[in-house]
Amino acid sequence: MLWLDNNKKHKRRQLDADIYFKSLEKGQPLPADLFADQKNDNKFNKPLNAGIILISISIGITVFLWIFFKAISQKNPEAGNLSWFASAGLVPFMAGVASVIIHFIEKKKDGGEDAK
């Protein structure tokens, strides 16, 4: 389903580009609303979406690293406890928390409307 949606957007953008170039070749003015409907649908454009994605990824990284280094520590006791390396997952976690905070600050600043 996602592929079909992206393919549809790609075809629409390609048609708009063709109209743009044909208009330029013929010297005709461009329609005013040619690119108006092409909003950027990138999920990372919205701070709340970016924050939730980063927090989710960081939880996965942290759990994976903790399990991985815990297993290494158990197989090789002289290496010591290496599970503290799992704290590397805190970097994207804090970036995600910051994005969520930014979302709510912008929402409050915009008067309670959804931050765009």
PDB file of N, CA and C in Angstrom:
ATOM      1  N   MET A   1       0.820  -1.184   0.000  1.00  0.00           N
ATOM      2  CA  MET A   1       0.000   0.000   0.000  1.00  0.00           C
ATOM      3  C   MET A   1       0.868   1.254   0.000  1.00  0.00           C
ATOM      4  N   LEU A   2       1.914   1.224   0.797  1.00  0.00           N
ATOM      5  CA  LEU A   2       2.802   2.380   0.869  1.00  0.00           C
ATOM      6  C   LEU A   2       3.466   2.627  -0.483  1.00  0.00           C
ATOM      7  N   TRP A   3       3.866   1.557  -1.156  1.00  0.00           N
ATOM      8  CA  TRP A   3       4.504   1.694  -2.460  1.00  0.00           C
ATOM      9  C   TRP A   3       3.537   2.314  -3.460  1.00  0.00           C
ATOM     10  N   LEU A   4       2.281   1.879  -3.433  1.00  0.00           N
ATOM     11  CA  LEU A   4       1.289   2.419  -4.356  1.00  0.00           C
ATOM     12  C   LEU A   4       1.061   3.911  -4.122  1.00  0.00           C
ATOM     13  N   ASP A   5       1.022   4.303  -2.855  1.00  0.00           N
ATOM     14  CA  ASP A   5       0.828   5.707  -2.524  1.00  0.00           C
ATOM     15  C   ASP A   5       2.014   6.550  -2.992  1.00  0.00           C
ATOM     16  N   ASN A   6       3.220   6.060  -2.753  1.00  0.00           N
ATOM     17  CA  ASN A   6       4.414   6.781  -3.197  1.00  0.00           C
ATOM     18  C   ASN A   6       4.499   6.820  -4.716  1.00  0.00           C
ATOM     19  N   ASN A   7       4.102   5.737  -5.376  1.00  0.00           N
ATOM     20  CA  ASN A   7       4.119   5.695  -6.829  1.00  0.00           C
ATOM     21  C   ASN A   7       3.133   6.710  -7.407  1.00  0.00           C
ATOM     22  N   LYS A   8       1.974   6.821  -6.773  1.00  0.00           N
ATOM     23  CA  LYS A   8       0.963   7.789  -7.209  1.00  0.00           C
ATOM     24  C   LYS A   8       1.495   9.219  -7.070  1.00  0.00           C
ATOM     25  N   LYS A   9       2.137   9.513  -5.951  1.00  0.00           N
ATOM     26  CA  LYS A   9       2.713  10.847  -5.733  1.00  0.00           C
ATOM     27  C   LYS A   9       3.808  11.129  -6.755  1.00  0.00           C
ATOM     28  N   HIS A  10       4.615  10.113  -7.033  1.00  0.00           N
ATOM     29  CA  HIS A  10       5.703  10.288  -8.000  1.00  0.00           C
ATOM     30  C   HIS A  10       5.143  10.595  -9.384  1.00  0.00           C
ATOM     31  N   LYS A  11       4.116   9.866  -9.792  1.00  0.00           N
ATOM     32  CA  LYS A  11       3.511  10.103 -11.105  1.00  0.00           C
ATOM     33  C   LYS A  11       2.897  11.495 -11.182  1.00  0.00           C
ATOM     34  N   ARG A  12       2.244  11.928 -10.109  1.00  0.00           N
ATOM     35  CA  ARG A  12       1.639  13.267 -10.081  1.00  0.00           C
ATOM     36  C   ARG A  12       2.723  14.342 -10.198  1.00  0.00           C
ATOM     37  N   ARG A  13       3.808  14.167  -9.481  1.00  0.00           N
ATOM     38  CA  ARG A  13       4.909  15.142  -9.552  1.00  0.00           C
ATOM     39  C   ARG A  13       5.559  15.144 -10.930  1.00  0.00           C
ATOM     40  N   GLN A  14       5.645  13.974 -11.537  1.00  0.00           N
ATOM     41  CA  GLN A  14       6.210  13.886 -12.883  1.00  0.00           C
ATOM     42  C   GLN A  14       5.320  14.611 -13.889  1.00  0.00           C
ATOM     43  N   LEU A  15       4.013  14.441 -13.775  1.00  0.00           N
ATOM     44  CA  LEU A  15       3.077  15.156 -14.656  1.00  0.00           C
ATOM     45  C   LEU A  15       3.171  16.668 -14.462  1.00  0.00           C
ATOM     46  N   ASP A  16       3.289  17.094 -13.211  1.00  0.00           N
ATOM     47  CA  ASP A  16       3.439  18.526 -12.942  1.00  0.00           C
ATOM     48  C   ASP A  16       4.730  19.066 -13.554  1.00  0.00           C
ATOM     49  N   ALA A  17       5.799  18.284 -13.463  1.00  0.00           N
ATOM     50  CA  ALA A  17       7.074  18.713 -14.047  1.00  0.00           C
ATOM     51  C   ALA A  17       6.960  18.791 -15.567  1.00  0.00           C
ATOM     52  N   ASP A  18       6.265  17.831 -16.172  1.00  0.00           N
ATOM     53  CA  ASP A  18       6.061  17.865 -17.629  1.00  0.00           C
ATOM     54  C   ASP A  18       5.273  19.111 -18.045  1.00  0.00           C
ATOM     55  N   ILE A  19       4.221  19.430 -17.291  1.00  0.00           N
ATOM     56  CA  ILE A  19       3.442  20.639 -17.579  1.00  0.00           C
ATOM     57  C   ILE A  19       4.329  21.875 -17.462  1.00  0.00           C
ATOM     58  N   TYR A  20       5.151  21.901 -16.444  1.00  0.00           N
ATOM     59  CA  TYR A  20       6.057  23.031 -16.209  1.00  0.00           C
ATOM     60  C   TYR A  20       7.006  23.219 -17.396  1.00  0.00           C
ATOM     61  N   PHE A  21       7.649  22.145 -17.827  1.00  0.00           N
ATOM     62  CA  PHE A  21       8.619  22.259 -18.920  1.00  0.00           C
ATOM     63  C   PHE A  21       7.941  22.566 -20.260  1.00  0.00           C
ATOM     64  N   LYS A  22       6.776  21.992 -20.520  1.00  0.00           N
ATOM     65  CA  LYS A  22       6.063  22.289 -21.765  1.00  0.00           C
ATOM     66  C   LYS A  22       5.594  23.741 -21.791  1.00  0.00           C
ATOM     67  N   SER A  23       5.180  24.255 -20.655  1.00  0.00           N
ATOM     68  CA  SER A  23       4.775  25.658 -20.581  1.00  0.00           C
ATOM     69  C   SER A  23       5.959  26.572 -20.840  1.00  0.00           C
ATOM     70  N   LEU A  24       7.112  26.212 -20.298  1.00  0.00           N
ATOM     71  CA  LEU A  24       8.314  27.020 -20.528  1.00  0.00           C
ATOM     72  C   LEU A  24       8.722  26.990 -21.998  1.00  0.00           C
ATOM     73  N   GLU A  25       8.633  25.809 -22.626  1.00  0.00           N
ATOM     74  CA  GLU A  25       9.006  25.681 -24.035  1.00  0.00           C
ATOM     75  C   GLU A  25       8.105  26.523 -24.937  1.00  0.00           C
ATOM     76  N   LYS A  26       6.828  26.581 -24.614  1.00  0.00           N
ATOM     77  CA  LYS A  26       5.880  27.309 -25.448  1.00  0.00           C
ATOM     78  C   LYS A  26       5.756  28.780 -25.052  1.00  0.00           C
ATOM     79  N   GLY A  27       6.392  29.154 -23.962  1.00  0.00           N
ATOM     80  CA  GLY A  27       6.342  30.531 -23.509  1.00  0.00           C
ATOM     81  C   GLY A  27       5.025  30.896 -22.845  1.00  0.00           C
ATOM     82  N   GLN A  28       4.274  29.926 -22.404  1.00  0.00           N
ATOM     83  CA  GLN A  28       2.992  30.183 -21.764  1.00  0.00           C
ATOM     84  C   GLN A  28       3.195  30.379 -20.261  1.00  0.00           C
ATOM     85  N   PRO A  29       2.308  31.152 -19.634  1.00  0.00           N
ATOM     86  CA  PRO A  29       2.415  31.321 -18.177  1.00  0.00           C
ATOM     87  C   PRO A  29       2.029  30.019 -17.466  1.00  0.00           C
ATOM     88  N   LEU A  30       2.628  29.834 -16.322  1.00  0.00           N
ATOM     89  CA  LEU A  30       2.356  28.628 -15.534  1.00  0.00           C
ATOM     90  C   LEU A  30       1.056  28.792 -14.749  1.00  0.00           C
ATOM     91  N   PRO A  31       0.316  27.723 -14.567  1.00  0.00           N
ATOM     92  CA  PRO A  31      -0.863  27.792 -13.694  1.00  0.00           C
ATOM     93  C   PRO A  31      -0.424  28.151 -12.270  1.00  0.00           C
ATOM     94  N   ALA A  32      -1.190  29.018 -11.626  1.00  0.00           N
ATOM     95  CA  ALA A  32      -0.808  29.499 -10.288  1.00  0.00           C
ATOM     96  C   ALA A  32      -0.784  28.382  -9.251  1.00  0.00           C
ATOM     97  N   ASP A  33      -1.639  27.398  -9.412  1.00  0.00           N
ATOM     98  CA  ASP A  33      -1.733  26.336  -8.409  1.00  0.00           C
ATOM     99  C   ASP A  33      -1.018  25.052  -8.824  1.00  0.00           C
ATOM    100  N   LEU A  34      -0.049  25.170  -9.713  1.00  0.00           N
ATOM    101  CA  LEU A  34       0.629  23.981 -10.236  1.00  0.00           C
ATOM    102  C   LEU A  34       1.315  23.177  -9.133  1.00  0.00           C
ATOM    103  N   PHE A  35       2.048  23.865  -8.278  1.00  0.00           N
ATOM    104  CA  PHE A  35       2.791  23.158  -7.227  1.00  0.00           C
ATOM    105  C   PHE A  35       2.178  23.378  -5.846  1.00  0.00           C
ATOM    106  N   ALA A  36       0.992  23.976  -5.787  1.00  0.00           N
ATOM    107  CA  ALA A  36       0.370  24.281  -4.500  1.00  0.00           C
ATOM    108  C   ALA A  36      -0.022  23.027  -3.727  1.00  0.00           C
ATOM    109  N   ASP A  37      -0.432  21.978  -4.434  1.00  0.00           N
ATOM    110  CA  ASP A  37      -0.883  20.773  -3.742  1.00  0.00           C
ATOM    111  C   ASP A  37       0.258  19.831  -3.371  1.00  0.00           C
ATOM    112  N   GLN A  38       1.474  20.220  -3.676  1.00  0.00           N
ATOM    113  CA  GLN A  38       2.614  19.355  -3.356  1.00  0.00           C
ATOM    114  C   GLN A  38       3.211  19.750  -2.018  1.00  0.00           C
ATOM    115  N   LYS A  39       2.535  19.400  -0.983  1.00  0.00           N
ATOM    116  CA  LYS A  39       3.089  19.657   0.342  1.00  0.00           C
ATOM    117  C   LYS A  39       4.111  18.574   0.646  1.00  0.00           C
ATOM    118  N   ASN A  40       5.034  18.902   1.487  1.00  0.00           N
ATOM    119  CA  ASN A  40       6.080  17.947   1.844  1.00  0.00           C
ATOM    120  C   ASN A  40       5.530  17.005   2.900  1.00  0.00           C
ATOM    121  N   ASP A  41       5.348  15.748   2.539  1.00  0.00           N
ATOM    122  CA  ASP A  41       4.762  14.770   3.442  1.00  0.00           C
ATOM    123  C   ASP A  41       5.810  13.973   4.217  1.00  0.00           C
ATOM    124  N   ASN A  42       6.990  14.497   4.291  1.00  0.00           N
ATOM    125  CA  ASN A  42       8.047  13.813   5.010  1.00  0.00           C
ATOM    126  C   ASN A  42       7.674  13.709   6.484  1.00  0.00           C
ATOM    127  N   LYS A  43       7.747  12.511   7.044  1.00  0.00           N
ATOM    128  CA  LYS A  43       7.354  12.311   8.427  1.00  0.00           C
ATOM    129  C   LYS A  43       8.256  13.044   9.406  1.00  0.00           C
ATOM    130  N   PHE A  44       9.481  13.319   9.004  1.00  0.00           N
ATOM    131  CA  PHE A  44      10.386  14.018   9.907  1.00  0.00           C
ATOM    132  C   PHE A  44      10.161  15.519   9.898  1.00  0.00           C
ATOM    133  N   ASN A  45       9.216  16.013   9.084  1.00  0.00           N
ATOM    134  CA  ASN A  45       8.904  17.434   9.093  1.00  0.00           C
ATOM    135  C   ASN A  45       8.160  17.842  10.345  1.00  0.00           C
ATOM    136  N   LYS A  46       7.436  16.934  10.924  1.00  0.00           N
ATOM    137  CA  LYS A  46       6.644  17.242  12.102  1.00  0.00           C
ATOM    138  C   LYS A  46       7.417  16.802  13.335  1.00  0.00           C
ATOM    139  N   PRO A  47       7.649  17.727  14.271  1.00  0.00           N
ATOM    140  CA  PRO A  47       8.470  17.386  15.441  1.00  0.00           C
ATOM    141  C   PRO A  47       7.910  16.242  16.276  1.00  0.00           C
ATOM    142  N   LEU A  48       6.595  16.139  16.389  1.00  0.00           N
ATOM    143  CA  LEU A  48       6.033  15.057  17.193  1.00  0.00           C
ATOM    144  C   LEU A  48       6.318  13.702  16.548  1.00  0.00           C
ATOM    145  N   ASN A  49       6.123  13.606  15.237  1.00  0.00           N
ATOM    146  CA  ASN A  49       6.418  12.359  14.532  1.00  0.00           C
ATOM    147  C   ASN A  49       7.897  12.007  14.642  1.00  0.00           C
ATOM    148  N   ALA A  50       8.752  12.996  14.425  1.00  0.00           N
ATOM    149  CA  ALA A  50      10.194  12.743  14.511  1.00  0.00           C
ATOM    150  C   ALA A  50      10.579  12.291  15.911  1.00  0.00           C
ATOM    151  N   GLY A  51       9.998  12.924  16.919  1.00  0.00           N
ATOM    152  CA  GLY A  51      10.308  12.558  18.300  1.00  0.00           C
ATOM    153  C   GLY A  51       9.899  11.145  18.634  1.00  0.00           C
ATOM    154  N   ILE A  52       8.701  10.775  18.230  1.00  0.00           N
ATOM    155  CA  ILE A  52       8.211   9.418  18.519  1.00  0.00           C
ATOM    156  C   ILE A  52       9.059   8.379  17.787  1.00  0.00           C
ATOM    157  N   ILE A  53       9.421   8.667  16.543  1.00  0.00           N
ATOM    158  CA  ILE A  53      10.262   7.739  15.780  1.00  0.00           C
ATOM    159  C   ILE A  53      11.631   7.595  16.436  1.00  0.00           C
ATOM    160  N   LEU A  54      12.240   8.707  16.834  1.00  0.00           N
ATOM    161  CA  LEU A  54      13.561   8.648  17.467  1.00  0.00           C
ATOM    162  C   LEU A  54      13.517   7.915  18.806  1.00  0.00           C
ATOM    163  N   ILE A  55      12.487   8.166  19.593  1.00  0.00           N
ATOM    164  CA  ILE A  55      12.360   7.478  20.881  1.00  0.00           C
ATOM    165  C   ILE A  55      12.204   5.977  20.664  1.00  0.00           C
ATOM    166  N   SER A  56      11.393   5.582  19.700  1.00  0.00           N
ATOM    167  CA  SER A  56      11.194   4.158  19.415  1.00  0.00           C
ATOM    168  C   SER A  56      12.484   3.491  18.949  1.00  0.00           C
ATOM    169  N   ILE A  57      13.185   4.162  18.056  1.00  0.00           N
ATOM    170  CA  ILE A  57      14.455   3.613  17.560  1.00  0.00           C
ATOM    171  C   ILE A  57      15.458   3.479  18.698  1.00  0.00           C
ATOM    172  N   SER A  58      15.517   4.485  19.560  1.00  0.00           N
ATOM    173  CA  SER A  58      16.500   4.444  20.652  1.00  0.00           C
ATOM    174  C   SER A  58      16.185   3.330  21.644  1.00  0.00           C
ATOM    175  N   ILE A  59      14.914   3.078  21.893  1.00  0.00           N
ATOM    176  CA  ILE A  59      14.561   1.974  22.792  1.00  0.00           C
ATOM    177  C   ILE A  59      15.021   0.652  22.184  1.00  0.00           C
ATOM    178  N   GLY A  60      14.808   0.484  20.885  1.00  0.00           N
ATOM    179  CA  GLY A  60      15.275  -0.724  20.207  1.00  0.00           C
ATOM    180  C   GLY A  60      16.786  -0.877  20.251  1.00  0.00           C
ATOM    181  N   ILE A  61      17.500   0.223  20.002  1.00  0.00           N
ATOM    182  CA  ILE A  61      18.969   0.195  20.046  1.00  0.00           C
ATOM    183  C   ILE A  61      19.447  -0.163  21.444  1.00  0.00           C
ATOM    184  N   THR A  62      18.850   0.455  22.448  1.00  0.00           N
ATOM    185  CA  THR A  62      19.272   0.217  23.827  1.00  0.00           C
ATOM    186  C   THR A  62      19.045  -1.227  24.240  1.00  0.00           C
ATOM    187  N   VAL A  63      17.877  -1.762  23.926  1.00  0.00           N
ATOM    188  CA  VAL A  63      17.579  -3.157  24.286  1.00  0.00           C
ATOM    189  C   VAL A  63      18.525  -4.104  23.548  1.00  0.00           C
ATOM    190  N   PHE A  64      18.730  -3.865  22.256  1.00  0.00           N
ATOM    191  CA  PHE A  64      19.632  -4.724  21.483  1.00  0.00           C
ATOM    192  C   PHE A  64      21.045  -4.686  22.059  1.00  0.00           C
ATOM    193  N   LEU A  65      21.576  -3.491  22.302  1.00  0.00           N
ATOM    194  CA  LEU A  65      22.943  -3.385  22.810  1.00  0.00           C
ATOM    195  C   LEU A  65      23.076  -3.983  24.203  1.00  0.00           C
ATOM    196  N   TRP A  66      22.064  -3.789  25.042  1.00  0.00           N
ATOM    197  CA  TRP A  66      22.136  -4.348  26.387  1.00  0.00           C
ATOM    198  C   TRP A  66      22.185  -5.866  26.335  1.00  0.00           C
ATOM    199  N   ILE A  67      21.306  -6.481  25.515  1.00  0.00           N
ATOM    200  CA  ILE A  67      21.301  -7.946  25.382  1.00  0.00           C
ATOM    201  C   ILE A  67      22.615  -8.426  24.767  1.00  0.00           C
ATOM    202  N   PHE A  68      23.088  -7.734  23.745  1.00  0.00           N
ATOM    203  CA  PHE A  68      24.313  -8.130  23.052  1.00  0.00           C
ATOM    204  C   PHE A  68      25.521  -8.095  23.984  1.00  0.00           C
ATOM    205  N   PHE A  69      25.707  -6.983  24.689  1.00  0.00           N
ATOM    206  CA  PHE A  69      26.877  -6.866  25.557  1.00  0.00           C
ATOM    207  C   PHE A  69      26.731  -7.683  26.835  1.00  0.00           C
ATOM    208  N   LYS A  70      25.508  -7.926  27.277  1.00  0.00           N
ATOM    209  CA  LYS A  70      25.300  -8.808  28.420  1.00  0.00           C
ATOM    210  C   LYS A  70      25.738 -10.234  28.062  1.00  0.00           C
ATOM    211  N   ALA A  71      25.409 -10.680  26.832  1.00  0.00           N
ATOM    212  CA  ALA A  71      25.810 -12.012  26.387  1.00  0.00           C
ATOM    213  C   ALA A  71      27.321 -12.109  26.260  1.00  0.00           C
ATOM    214  N   ILE A  72      27.961 -11.055  25.756  1.00  0.00           N
ATOM    215  CA  ILE A  72      29.424 -11.062  25.650  1.00  0.00           C
ATOM    216  C   ILE A  72      30.052 -11.140  27.032  1.00  0.00           C
ATOM    217  N   SER A  73      29.504 -10.376  27.987  1.00  0.00           N
ATOM    218  CA  SER A  73      30.044 -10.373  29.351  1.00  0.00           C
ATOM    219  C   SER A  73      29.900 -11.739  30.015  1.00  0.00           C
ATOM    220  N   GLN A  74      28.825 -12.448  29.728  1.00  0.00           N
ATOM    221  CA  GLN A  74      28.626 -13.756  30.334  1.00  0.00           C
ATOM    222  C   GLN A  74      29.542 -14.808  29.723  1.00  0.00           C
ATOM    223  N   LYS A  75      29.820 -14.695  28.419  1.00  0.00           N
ATOM    224  CA  LYS A  75      30.703 -15.664  27.769  1.00  0.00           C
ATOM    225  C   LYS A  75      32.171 -15.386  28.075  1.00  0.00           C
ATOM    226  N   ASN A  76      32.496 -14.144  28.321  1.00  0.00           N
ATOM    227  CA  ASN A  76      33.873 -13.755  28.573  1.00  0.00           C
ATOM    228  C   ASN A  76      33.927 -12.940  29.868  1.00  0.00           C
ATOM    229  N   PRO A  77      33.961 -13.591  31.017  1.00  0.00           N
ATOM    230  CA  PRO A  77      33.881 -12.888  32.305  1.00  0.00           C
ATOM    231  C   PRO A  77      35.031 -11.904  32.549  1.00  0.00           C
ATOM    232  N   GLU A  78      36.207 -12.167  31.983  1.00  0.00           N
ATOM    233  CA  GLU A  78      37.327 -11.247  32.223  1.00  0.00           C
ATOM    234  C   GLU A  78      37.162  -9.922  31.481  1.00  0.00           C
ATOM    235  N   ALA A  79      36.204  -9.853  30.553  1.00  0.00           N
ATOM    236  CA  ALA A  79      35.932  -8.590  29.850  1.00  0.00           C
ATOM    237  C   ALA A  79      35.193  -7.616  30.756  1.00  0.00           C
ATOM    238  N   GLY A  80      34.616  -8.122  31.824  1.00  0.00           N
ATOM    239  CA  GLY A  80      33.868  -7.261  32.732  1.00  0.00           C
ATOM    240  C   GLY A  80      32.452  -7.034  32.223  1.00  0.00           C
ATOM    241  N   ASN A  81      31.750  -6.169  32.907  1.00  0.00           N
ATOM    242  CA  ASN A  81      30.375  -5.875  32.530  1.00  0.00           C
ATOM    243  C   ASN A  81      30.375  -4.811  31.436  1.00  0.00           C
ATOM    244  N   LEU A  82      30.023  -5.208  30.233  1.00  0.00           N
ATOM    245  CA  LEU A  82      30.032  -4.292  29.095  1.00  0.00           C
ATOM    246  C   LEU A  82      28.652  -3.743  28.770  1.00  0.00           C
ATOM    247  N   SER A  83      27.639  -4.109  29.558  1.00  0.00           N
ATOM    248  CA  SER A  83      26.275  -3.703  29.220  1.00  0.00           C
ATOM    249  C   SER A  83      26.062  -2.190  29.329  1.00  0.00           C
ATOM    250  N   TRP A  84      27.017  -1.476  29.910  1.00  0.00           N
ATOM    251  CA  TRP A  84      26.884  -0.015  29.984  1.00  0.00           C
ATOM    252  C   TRP A  84      26.980   0.629  28.598  1.00  0.00           C
ATOM    253  N   PHE A  85      27.488  -0.129  27.605  1.00  0.00           N
ATOM    254  CA  PHE A  85      27.528   0.385  26.229  1.00  0.00           C
ATOM    255  C   PHE A  85      26.113   0.624  25.678  1.00  0.00           C
ATOM    256  N   ALA A  86      25.138   0.010  26.309  1.00  0.00           N
ATOM    257  CA  ALA A  86      23.752   0.202  25.876  1.00  0.00           C
ATOM    258  C   ALA A  86      23.310   1.647  26.063  1.00  0.00           C
ATOM    259  N   SER A  87      24.033   2.398  26.854  1.00  0.00           N
ATOM    260  CA  SER A  87      23.681   3.804  27.062  1.00  0.00           C
ATOM    261  C   SER A  87      23.858   4.631  25.789  1.00  0.00           C
ATOM    262  N   ALA A  88      24.469   4.052  24.745  1.00  0.00           N
ATOM    263  CA  ALA A  88      24.579   4.758  23.461  1.00  0.00           C
ATOM    264  C   ALA A  88      23.192   5.041  22.898  1.00  0.00           C
ATOM    265  N   GLY A  89      22.213   4.262  23.294  1.00  0.00           N
ATOM    266  CA  GLY A  89      20.846   4.497  22.860  1.00  0.00           C
ATOM    267  C   GLY A  89      20.213   5.731  23.473  1.00  0.00           C
ATOM    268  N   LEU A  90      20.871   6.320  24.471  1.00  0.00           N
ATOM    269  CA  LEU A  90      20.332   7.529  25.086  1.00  0.00           C
ATOM    270  C   LEU A  90      20.451   8.752  24.181  1.00  0.00           C
ATOM    271  N   VAL A  91      21.388   8.735  23.260  1.00  0.00           N
ATOM    272  CA  VAL A  91      21.573   9.890  22.375  1.00  0.00           C
ATOM    273  C   VAL A  91      20.338  10.117  21.502  1.00  0.00           C
ATOM    274  N   PRO A  92      19.884   9.125  20.719  1.00  0.00           N
ATOM    275  CA  PRO A  92      18.664   9.372  19.946  1.00  0.00           C
ATOM    276  C   PRO A  92      17.426   9.518  20.828  1.00  0.00           C
ATOM    277  N   PHE A  93      17.451   8.900  22.022  1.00  0.00           N
ATOM    278  CA  PHE A  93      16.318   9.038  22.929  1.00  0.00           C
ATOM    279  C   PHE A  93      16.154  10.490  23.359  1.00  0.00           C
ATOM    280  N   MET A  94      17.246  11.118  23.742  1.00  0.00           N
ATOM    281  CA  MET A  94      17.179  12.520  24.173  1.00  0.00           C
ATOM    282  C   MET A  94      16.822  13.441  23.009  1.00  0.00           C
ATOM    283  N   ALA A  95      17.288  13.121  21.805  1.00  0.00           N
ATOM    284  CA  ALA A  95      16.906  13.910  20.624  1.00  0.00           C
ATOM    285  C   ALA A  95      15.403  13.778  20.380  1.00  0.00           C
ATOM    286  N   GLY A  96      14.868  12.591  20.580  1.00  0.00           N
ATOM    287  CA  GLY A  96      13.428  12.382  20.428  1.00  0.00           C
ATOM    288  C   GLY A  96      12.621  13.125  21.472  1.00  0.00           C
ATOM    289  N   VAL A  97      13.098  13.099  22.701  1.00  0.00           N
ATOM    290  CA  VAL A  97      12.423  13.845  23.771  1.00  0.00           C
ATOM    291  C   VAL A  97      12.445  15.340  23.453  1.00  0.00           C
ATOM    292  N   ALA A  98      13.576  15.824  22.948  1.00  0.00           N
ATOM    293  CA  ALA A  98      13.676  17.246  22.582  1.00  0.00           C
ATOM    294  C   ALA A  98      12.692  17.587  21.468  1.00  0.00           C
ATOM    295  N   SER A  99      12.530  16.708  20.492  1.00  0.00           N
ATOM    296  CA  SER A  99      11.582  16.953  19.402  1.00  0.00           C
ATOM    297  C   SER A  99      10.146  17.001  19.913  1.00  0.00           C
ATOM    298  N   VAL A 100       9.813  16.120  20.837  1.00  0.00           N
ATOM    299  CA  VAL A 100       8.462  16.125  21.411  1.00  0.00           C
ATOM    300  C   VAL A 100       8.234  17.419  22.195  1.00  0.00           C
ATOM    301  N   ILE A 101       9.233  17.848  22.956  1.00  0.00           N
ATOM    302  CA  ILE A 101       9.122  19.107  23.707  1.00  0.00           C
ATOM    303  C   ILE A 101       8.953  20.282  22.753  1.00  0.00           C
ATOM    304  N   ILE A 102       9.721  20.294  21.663  1.00  0.00           N
ATOM    305  CA  ILE A 102       9.600  21.357  20.660  1.00  0.00           C
ATOM    306  C   ILE A 102       8.195  21.375  20.076  1.00  0.00           C
ATOM    307  N   HIS A 103       7.641  20.200  19.811  1.00  0.00           N
ATOM    308  CA  HIS A 103       6.276  20.128  19.276  1.00  0.00           C
ATOM    309  C   HIS A 103       5.294  20.827  20.211  1.00  0.00           C
ATOM    310  N   PHE A 104       5.375  20.521  21.502  1.00  0.00           N
ATOM    311  CA  PHE A 104       4.419  21.102  22.439  1.00  0.00           C
ATOM    312  C   PHE A 104       4.671  22.594  22.657  1.00  0.00           C
ATOM    313  N   ILE A 105       5.916  23.035  22.585  1.00  0.00           N
ATOM    314  CA  ILE A 105       6.211  24.470  22.688  1.00  0.00           C
ATOM    315  C   ILE A 105       5.627  25.204  21.487  1.00  0.00           C
ATOM    316  N   GLU A 106       5.827  24.658  20.283  1.00  0.00           N
ATOM    317  CA  GLU A 106       5.278  25.288  19.080  1.00  0.00           C
ATOM    318  C   GLU A 106       3.756  25.279  19.095  1.00  0.00           C
ATOM    319  N   LYS A 107       3.175  24.200  19.592  1.00  0.00           N
ATOM    320  CA  LYS A 107       1.724  24.104  19.659  1.00  0.00           C
ATOM    321  C   LYS A 107       1.174  25.171  20.605  1.00  0.00           C
ATOM    322  N   LYS A 108       1.852  25.359  21.729  1.00  0.00           N
ATOM    323  CA  LYS A 108       1.413  26.366  22.695  1.00  0.00           C
ATOM    324  C   LYS A 108       1.593  27.769  22.122  1.00  0.00           C
ATOM    325  N   LYS A 109       2.694  27.975  21.404  1.00  0.00           N
ATOM    326  CA  LYS A 109       2.976  29.274  20.807  1.00  0.00           C
ATOM    327  C   LYS A 109       1.982  29.607  19.704  1.00  0.00           C
ATOM    328  N   ASP A 110       1.507  28.588  18.975  1.00  0.00           N
ATOM    329  CA  ASP A 110       0.545  28.804  17.891  1.00  0.00           C
ATOM    330  C   ASP A 110      -0.883  28.936  18.406  1.00  0.00           C
ATOM    331  N   GLY A 111      -1.055  28.962  19.675  1.00  0.00           N
ATOM    332  CA  GLY A 111      -2.387  29.154  20.232  1.00  0.00           C
ATOM    333  C   GLY A 111      -3.189  27.886  20.354  1.00  0.00           C
ATOM    334  N   GLY A 112      -2.526  26.759  20.496  1.00  0.00           N
ATOM    335  CA  GLY A 112      -3.223  25.496  20.700  1.00  0.00           C
ATOM    336  C   GLY A 112      -3.564  24.770  19.422  1.00  0.00           C
ATOM    337  N   GLU A 113      -3.314  25.367  18.274  1.00  0.00           N
ATOM    338  CA  GLU A 113      -3.580  24.681  17.018  1.00  0.00           C
ATOM    339  C   GLU A 113      -2.490  23.663  16.770  1.00  0.00           C
ATOM    340  N   ASP A 114      -2.749  22.693  15.909  1.00  0.00           N
ATOM    341  CA  ASP A 114      -1.745  21.681  15.585  1.00  0.00           C
ATOM    342  C   ASP A 114      -0.545  22.345  14.959  1.00  0.00           C
ATOM    343  N   ALA A 115       0.646  21.993  15.455  1.00  0.00           N
ATOM    344  CA  ALA A 115       1.880  22.526  14.863  1.00  0.00           C
ATOM    345  C   ALA A 115       2.120  21.854  13.535  1.00  0.00           C
ATOM    346  N   LYS A 116       2.430  22.644  12.538  1.00  0.00           N
ATOM    347  CA  LYS A 116       2.620  22.086  11.189  1.00  0.00           C
ATOM    348  C   LYS A 116       4.070  22.012  10.836  1.00  0.00           C
TER     349      LYS A 116
END
